[in-house]
Each structure stands twice: as C-alpha cells, then as structure tokens.
Amino acid sequence: MNVGANIKARRESLGYSQGYVAEEVGISQAMLCQIERGTKNPSLQVSAGIAKLLKCSLDSLLEDSPKQTA
C-alpha cells in the first residue's frame, strides 16, 4: 500500500502545493511531506480530510498504485 505516493500524485494532478493541502487539512507541511515519503502514516481523520480536499475517495488513496487522471 502506497498511500503517500497516491496522495502526492493526486495533489500534483490538481496543482496543489504541499503547503496548501497541509494548511487546509490542519497539519504541518513537514507532516504532509513525511506522509508522502511514506515515513509517517496519516490518521483516519487526516486521511479523510485529504481525500475530501483532493476530491477523491479514501479507497483511492489506499490503492496499490497511483491513479493517473486525464
């Protein structure tokens, strides 16, 4: 499971910065960076907030590989 890579791919596809996502979700940019690198796991609450902001399902963040959006 590569949650961090999925978050990063979706965030970048929407053109959002780490700072923007972190601020909107209520975590530090450093924490989001650690989540995206896979060194920290987000809580369910943070994951749900990220999914809502990134306009995707929580399930899509848990998939094995990032989805490409066109």
PDB file of N, CA and C in Angstrom:
ATOM      1  N   MET A   1       0.848  -1.177   0.000  1.00  0.00           N
ATOM      2  CA  MET A   1       0.000   0.000   0.000  1.00  0.00           C
ATOM      3  C   MET A   1       0.892   1.237   0.000  1.00  0.00           C
ATOM      4  N   ASN A   2       0.646   2.143  -0.905  1.00  0.00           N
ATOM      5  CA  ASN A   2       1.482   3.315  -1.045  1.00  0.00           C
ATOM      6  C   ASN A   2       0.625   4.577  -0.944  1.00  0.00           C
ATOM      7  N   VAL A   3       0.096   4.809   0.233  1.00  0.00           N
ATOM      8  CA  VAL A   3      -0.807   5.929   0.471  1.00  0.00           C
ATOM      9  C   VAL A   3      -0.132   7.255   0.135  1.00  0.00           C
ATOM     10  N   GLY A   4       1.105   7.412   0.593  1.00  0.00           N
ATOM     11  CA  GLY A   4       1.817   8.661   0.365  1.00  0.00           C
ATOM     12  C   GLY A   4       1.994   8.985  -1.101  1.00  0.00           C
ATOM     13  N   ALA A   5       2.366   7.984  -1.895  1.00  0.00           N
ATOM     14  CA  ALA A   5       2.536   8.202  -3.335  1.00  0.00           C
ATOM     15  C   ALA A   5       1.201   8.545  -3.994  1.00  0.00           C
ATOM     16  N   ASN A   6       0.130   7.924  -3.536  1.00  0.00           N
ATOM     17  CA  ASN A   6      -1.192   8.222  -4.083  1.00  0.00           C
ATOM     18  C   ASN A   6      -1.607   9.651  -3.754  1.00  0.00           C
ATOM     19  N   ILE A   7      -1.339  10.075  -2.524  1.00  0.00           N
ATOM     20  CA  ILE A   7      -1.669  11.442  -2.118  1.00  0.00           C
ATOM     21  C   ILE A   7      -0.871  12.427  -2.964  1.00  0.00           C
ATOM     22  N   LYS A   8       0.418  12.182  -3.097  1.00  0.00           N
ATOM     23  CA  LYS A   8       1.278  13.089  -3.862  1.00  0.00           C
ATOM     24  C   LYS A   8       0.836  13.174  -5.313  1.00  0.00           C
ATOM     25  N   ALA A   9       0.554  12.034  -5.933  1.00  0.00           N
ATOM     26  CA  ALA A   9       0.135  12.027  -7.335  1.00  0.00           C
ATOM     27  C   ALA A   9      -1.158  12.805  -7.522  1.00  0.00           C
ATOM     28  N   ARG A  10      -2.115  12.581  -6.641  1.00  0.00           N
ATOM     29  CA  ARG A  10      -3.405  13.274  -6.752  1.00  0.00           C
ATOM     30  C   ARG A  10      -3.224  14.773  -6.492  1.00  0.00           C
ATOM     31  N   ARG A  11      -2.443  15.111  -5.476  1.00  0.00           N
ATOM     32  CA  ARG A  11      -2.198  16.518  -5.141  1.00  0.00           C
ATOM     33  C   ARG A  11      -1.562  17.244  -6.326  1.00  0.00           C
ATOM     34  N   GLU A  12      -0.548  16.632  -6.913  1.00  0.00           N
ATOM     35  CA  GLU A  12       0.134  17.247  -8.048  1.00  0.00           C
ATOM     36  C   GLU A  12      -0.762  17.348  -9.275  1.00  0.00           C
ATOM     37  N   SER A  13      -1.628  16.344  -9.463  1.00  0.00           N
ATOM     38  CA  SER A  13      -2.529  16.390 -10.625  1.00  0.00           C
ATOM     39  C   SER A  13      -3.519  17.550 -10.523  1.00  0.00           C
ATOM     40  N   LEU A  14      -3.811  17.959  -9.299  1.00  0.00           N
ATOM     41  CA  LEU A  14      -4.718  19.088  -9.082  1.00  0.00           C
ATOM     42  C   LEU A  14      -3.974  20.420  -9.003  1.00  0.00           C
ATOM     43  N   GLY A  15      -2.645  20.355  -9.005  1.00  0.00           N
ATOM     44  CA  GLY A  15      -1.852  21.576  -8.944  1.00  0.00           C
ATOM     45  C   GLY A  15      -1.771  22.190  -7.561  1.00  0.00           C
ATOM     46  N   TYR A  16      -2.010  21.385  -6.530  1.00  0.00           N
ATOM     47  CA  TYR A  16      -1.971  21.888  -5.154  1.00  0.00           C
ATOM     48  C   TYR A  16      -0.560  21.747  -4.584  1.00  0.00           C
ATOM     49  N   SER A  17      -0.137  22.733  -3.829  1.00  0.00           N
ATOM     50  CA  SER A  17       1.149  22.654  -3.145  1.00  0.00           C
ATOM     51  C   SER A  17       0.990  21.873  -1.845  1.00  0.00           C
ATOM     52  N   GLN A  18       2.104  21.377  -1.339  1.00  0.00           N
ATOM     53  CA  GLN A  18       2.076  20.707  -0.036  1.00  0.00           C
ATOM     54  C   GLN A  18       1.572  21.666   1.039  1.00  0.00           C
ATOM     55  N   GLY A  19       2.034  22.906   0.973  1.00  0.00           N
ATOM     56  CA  GLY A  19       1.629  23.898   1.963  1.00  0.00           C
ATOM     57  C   GLY A  19       0.128  24.126   1.984  1.00  0.00           C
ATOM     58  N   TYR A  20      -0.471  24.210   0.798  1.00  0.00           N
ATOM     59  CA  TYR A  20      -1.915  24.422   0.704  1.00  0.00           C
ATOM     60  C   TYR A  20      -2.687  23.254   1.306  1.00  0.00           C
ATOM     61  N   VAL A  21      -2.321  22.046   0.907  1.00  0.00           N
ATOM     62  CA  VAL A  21      -3.025  20.860   1.397  1.00  0.00           C
ATOM     63  C   VAL A  21      -2.872  20.745   2.914  1.00  0.00           C
ATOM     64  N   ALA A  22      -1.652  20.920   3.388  1.00  0.00           N
ATOM     65  CA  ALA A  22      -1.397  20.805   4.822  1.00  0.00           C
ATOM     66  C   ALA A  22      -2.224  21.816   5.607  1.00  0.00           C
ATOM     67  N   GLU A  23      -2.246  23.057   5.147  1.00  0.00           N
ATOM     68  CA  GLU A  23      -2.994  24.100   5.845  1.00  0.00           C
ATOM     69  C   GLU A  23      -4.488  23.794   5.862  1.00  0.00           C
ATOM     70  N   GLU A  24      -5.023  23.375   4.725  1.00  0.00           N
ATOM     71  CA  GLU A  24      -6.452  23.080   4.633  1.00  0.00           C
ATOM     72  C   GLU A  24      -6.856  21.897   5.510  1.00  0.00           C
ATOM     73  N   VAL A  25      -5.967  20.929   5.648  1.00  0.00           N
ATOM     74  CA  VAL A  25      -6.274  19.715   6.416  1.00  0.00           C
ATOM     75  C   VAL A  25      -5.954  19.902   7.903  1.00  0.00           C
ATOM     76  N   GLY A  26      -5.114  20.884   8.211  1.00  0.00           N
ATOM     77  CA  GLY A  26      -4.798  21.166   9.609  1.00  0.00           C
ATOM     78  C   GLY A  26      -3.584  20.410  10.139  1.00  0.00           C
ATOM     79  N   ILE A  27      -2.641  20.131   9.246  1.00  0.00           N
ATOM     80  CA  ILE A  27      -1.390  19.501   9.656  1.00  0.00           C
ATOM     81  C   ILE A  27      -0.242  20.364   9.147  1.00  0.00           C
ATOM     82  N   SER A  28       0.957  20.091   9.613  1.00  0.00           N
ATOM     83  CA  SER A  28       2.113  20.857   9.143  1.00  0.00           C
ATOM     84  C   SER A  28       2.539  20.356   7.764  1.00  0.00           C
ATOM     85  N   GLN A  29       3.230  21.230   7.042  1.00  0.00           N
ATOM     86  CA  GLN A  29       3.760  20.827   5.745  1.00  0.00           C
ATOM     87  C   GLN A  29       4.777  19.707   5.920  1.00  0.00           C
ATOM     88  N   ALA A  30       5.545  19.763   7.009  1.00  0.00           N
ATOM     89  CA  ALA A  30       6.527  18.715   7.284  1.00  0.00           C
ATOM     90  C   ALA A  30       5.836  17.360   7.469  1.00  0.00           C
ATOM     91  N   MET A  31       4.696  17.359   8.139  1.00  0.00           N
ATOM     92  CA  MET A  31       3.952  16.116   8.339  1.00  0.00           C
ATOM     93  C   MET A  31       3.453  15.577   7.006  1.00  0.00           C
ATOM     94  N   LEU A  32       2.926  16.448   6.149  1.00  0.00           N
ATOM     95  CA  LEU A  32       2.456  16.000   4.835  1.00  0.00           C
ATOM     96  C   LEU A  32       3.623  15.449   4.022  1.00  0.00           C
ATOM     97  N   CYS A  33       4.749  16.089   4.101  1.00  0.00           N
ATOM     98  CA  CYS A  33       5.945  15.604   3.398  1.00  0.00           C
ATOM     99  C   CYS A  33       6.308  14.200   3.881  1.00  0.00           C
ATOM    100  N   GLN A  34       6.258  13.981   5.188  1.00  0.00           N
ATOM    101  CA  GLN A  34       6.564  12.660   5.739  1.00  0.00           C
ATOM    102  C   GLN A  34       5.539  11.622   5.297  1.00  0.00           C
ATOM    103  N   ILE A  35       4.287  12.020   5.223  1.00  0.00           N
ATOM    104  CA  ILE A  35       3.232  11.106   4.750  1.00  0.00           C
ATOM    105  C   ILE A  35       3.509  10.725   3.296  1.00  0.00           C
ATOM    106  N   GLU A  36       3.812  11.720   2.472  1.00  0.00           N
ATOM    107  CA  GLU A  36       4.057  11.456   1.047  1.00  0.00           C
ATOM    108  C   GLU A  36       5.303  10.601   0.836  1.00  0.00           C
ATOM    109  N   ARG A  37       6.305  10.746   1.675  1.00  0.00           N
ATOM    110  CA  ARG A  37       7.524   9.932   1.565  1.00  0.00           C
ATOM    111  C   ARG A  37       7.335   8.542   2.159  1.00  0.00           C
ATOM    112  N   GLY A  38       6.264   8.343   2.913  1.00  0.00           N
ATOM    113  CA  GLY A  38       6.000   7.036   3.499  1.00  0.00           C
ATOM    114  C   GLY A  38       6.660   6.805   4.839  1.00  0.00           C
ATOM    115  N   THR A  39       7.183   7.862   5.466  1.00  0.00           N
ATOM    116  CA  THR A  39       7.815   7.694   6.772  1.00  0.00           C
ATOM    117  C   THR A  39       6.831   7.869   7.922  1.00  0.00           C
ATOM    118  N   LYS A  40       5.665   8.423   7.633  1.00  0.00           N
ATOM    119  CA  LYS A  40       4.584   8.561   8.622  1.00  0.00           C
ATOM    120  C   LYS A  40       3.284   8.117   7.981  1.00  0.00           C
ATOM    121  N   ASN A  41       2.407   7.562   8.795  1.00  0.00           N
ATOM    122  CA  ASN A  41       1.076   7.186   8.323  1.00  0.00           C
ATOM    123  C   ASN A  41       0.058   8.177   8.866  1.00  0.00           C
ATOM    124  N   PRO A  42      -0.823   8.679   8.011  1.00  0.00           N
ATOM    125  CA  PRO A  42      -1.833   9.627   8.484  1.00  0.00           C
ATOM    126  C   PRO A  42      -2.919   8.917   9.290  1.00  0.00           C
ATOM    127  N   SER A  43      -3.494   9.643  10.224  1.00  0.00           N
ATOM    128  CA  SER A  43      -4.633   9.110  10.963  1.00  0.00           C
ATOM    129  C   SER A  43      -5.824   9.002  10.010  1.00  0.00           C
ATOM    130  N   LEU A  44      -6.834   8.292  10.426  1.00  0.00           N
ATOM    131  CA  LEU A  44      -8.038   8.161   9.611  1.00  0.00           C
ATOM    132  C   LEU A  44      -8.668   9.531   9.375  1.00  0.00           C
ATOM    133  N   GLN A  45      -8.687  10.358  10.407  1.00  0.00           N
ATOM    134  CA  GLN A  45      -9.264  11.701  10.288  1.00  0.00           C
ATOM    135  C   GLN A  45      -8.492  12.544   9.276  1.00  0.00           C
ATOM    136  N   VAL A  46      -7.174  12.510   9.341  1.00  0.00           N
ATOM    137  CA  VAL A  46      -6.352  13.262   8.388  1.00  0.00           C
ATOM    138  C   VAL A  46      -6.533  12.693   6.981  1.00  0.00           C
ATOM    139  N   SER A  47      -6.545  11.378   6.858  1.00  0.00           N
ATOM    140  CA  SER A  47      -6.735  10.742   5.553  1.00  0.00           C
ATOM    141  C   SER A  47      -8.060  11.159   4.931  1.00  0.00           C
ATOM    142  N   ALA A  48      -9.110  11.176   5.730  1.00  0.00           N
ATOM    143  CA  ALA A  48     -10.430  11.573   5.231  1.00  0.00           C
ATOM    144  C   ALA A  48     -10.422  13.033   4.794  1.00  0.00           C
ATOM    145  N   GLY A  49      -9.754  13.878   5.549  1.00  0.00           N
ATOM    146  CA  GLY A  49      -9.659  15.287   5.178  1.00  0.00           C
ATOM    147  C   GLY A  49      -8.892  15.481   3.885  1.00  0.00           C
ATOM    148  N   ILE A  50      -7.811  14.751   3.723  1.00  0.00           N
ATOM    149  CA  ILE A  50      -7.023  14.832   2.499  1.00  0.00           C
ATOM    150  C   ILE A  50      -7.851  14.347   1.307  1.00  0.00           C
ATOM    151  N   ALA A  51      -8.531  13.224   1.471  1.00  0.00           N
ATOM    152  CA  ALA A  51      -9.357  12.684   0.383  1.00  0.00           C
ATOM    153  C   ALA A  51     -10.436  13.684  -0.030  1.00  0.00           C
ATOM    154  N   LYS A  52     -11.072  14.309   0.946  1.00  0.00           N
ATOM    155  CA  LYS A  52     -12.122  15.285   0.632  1.00  0.00           C
ATOM    156  C   LYS A  52     -11.535  16.470  -0.129  1.00  0.00           C
ATOM    157  N   LEU A  53     -10.409  16.992   0.345  1.00  0.00           N
ATOM    158  CA  LEU A  53      -9.767  18.128  -0.306  1.00  0.00           C
ATOM    159  C   LEU A  53      -9.307  17.776  -1.718  1.00  0.00           C
ATOM    160  N   LEU A  54      -8.807  16.560  -1.889  1.00  0.00           N
ATOM    161  CA  LEU A  54      -8.310  16.130  -3.191  1.00  0.00           C
ATOM    162  C   LEU A  54      -9.414  15.582  -4.099  1.00  0.00           C
ATOM    163  N   LYS A  55     -10.652  15.652  -3.617  1.00  0.00           N
ATOM    164  CA  LYS A  55     -11.827  15.252  -4.400  1.00  0.00           C
ATOM    165  C   LYS A  55     -11.730  13.815  -4.888  1.00  0.00           C
ATOM    166  N   CYS A  56     -11.388  12.934  -3.952  1.00  0.00           N
ATOM    167  CA  CYS A  56     -11.301  11.514  -4.280  1.00  0.00           C
ATOM    168  C   CYS A  56     -11.790  10.704  -3.089  1.00  0.00           C
ATOM    169  N   SER A  57     -11.974   9.426  -3.292  1.00  0.00           N
ATOM    170  CA  SER A  57     -12.415   8.566  -2.204  1.00  0.00           C
ATOM    171  C   SER A  57     -11.223   8.149  -1.356  1.00  0.00           C
ATOM    172  N   LEU A  58     -11.498   7.824  -0.121  1.00  0.00           N
ATOM    173  CA  LEU A  58     -10.460   7.307   0.766  1.00  0.00           C
ATOM    174  C   LEU A  58      -9.896   6.013   0.189  1.00  0.00           C
ATOM    175  N   ASP A  59     -10.752   5.197  -0.398  1.00  0.00           N
ATOM    176  CA  ASP A  59     -10.304   3.947  -1.029  1.00  0.00           C
ATOM    177  C   ASP A  59      -9.249   4.194  -2.104  1.00  0.00           C
ATOM    178  N   SER A  60      -9.418   5.251  -2.887  1.00  0.00           N
ATOM    179  CA  SER A  60      -8.464   5.511  -3.962  1.00  0.00           C
ATOM    180  C   SER A  60      -7.088   5.864  -3.413  1.00  0.00           C
ATOM    181  N   LEU A  61      -7.032   6.427  -2.219  1.00  0.00           N
ATOM    182  CA  LEU A  61      -5.741   6.733  -1.600  1.00  0.00           C
ATOM    183  C   LEU A  61      -5.059   5.476  -1.070  1.00  0.00           C
ATOM    184  N   LEU A  62      -5.846   4.431  -0.836  1.00  0.00           N
ATOM    185  CA  LEU A  62      -5.305   3.187  -0.288  1.00  0.00           C
ATOM    186  C   LEU A  62      -4.905   2.178  -1.360  1.00  0.00           C
ATOM    187  N   GLU A  63      -5.177   2.491  -2.629  1.00  0.00           N
ATOM    188  CA  GLU A  63      -4.843   1.558  -3.707  1.00  0.00           C
ATOM    189  C   GLU A  63      -3.338   1.369  -3.816  1.00  0.00           C
ATOM    190  N   ASP A  64      -2.936   0.276  -4.438  1.00  0.00           N
ATOM    191  CA  ASP A  64      -1.534  -0.077  -4.544  1.00  0.00           C
ATOM    192  C   ASP A  64      -0.702   0.860  -5.408  1.00  0.00           C
ATOM    193  N   SER A  65      -1.301   1.465  -6.413  1.00  0.00           N
ATOM    194  CA  SER A  65      -0.539   2.369  -7.261  1.00  0.00           C
ATOM    195  C   SER A  65      -1.365   3.619  -7.538  1.00  0.00           C
ATOM    196  N   PRO A  66      -0.686   4.756  -7.751  1.00  0.00           N
ATOM    197  CA  PRO A  66      -1.426   5.991  -8.023  1.00  0.00           C
ATOM    198  C   PRO A  66      -2.225   5.896  -9.306  1.00  0.00           C
ATOM    199  N   LYS A  67      -3.395   6.483  -9.277  1.00  0.00           N
ATOM    200  CA  LYS A  67      -4.217   6.550 -10.481  1.00  0.00           C
ATOM    201  C   LYS A  67      -3.821   7.766 -11.288  1.00  0.00           C
ATOM    202  N   GLN A  68      -3.756   7.603 -12.561  1.00  0.00           N
ATOM    203  CA  GLN A  68      -3.469   8.726 -13.437  1.00  0.00           C
ATOM    204  C   GLN A  68      -4.797   9.372 -13.799  1.00  0.00           C
ATOM    205  N   THR A  69      -4.838  10.690 -13.742  1.00  0.00           N
ATOM    206  CA  THR A  69      -6.045  11.394 -14.133  1.00  0.00           C
ATOM    207  C   THR A  69      -5.754  12.185 -15.386  1.00  0.00           C
ATOM    208  N   ALA A  70      -6.742  12.251 -16.252  1.00  0.00           N
ATOM    209  CA  ALA A  70      -6.537  12.968 -17.514  1.00  0.00           C
ATOM    210  C   ALA A  70      -7.314  14.252 -17.530  1.00  0.00           C
TER     211      ALA A  70
END
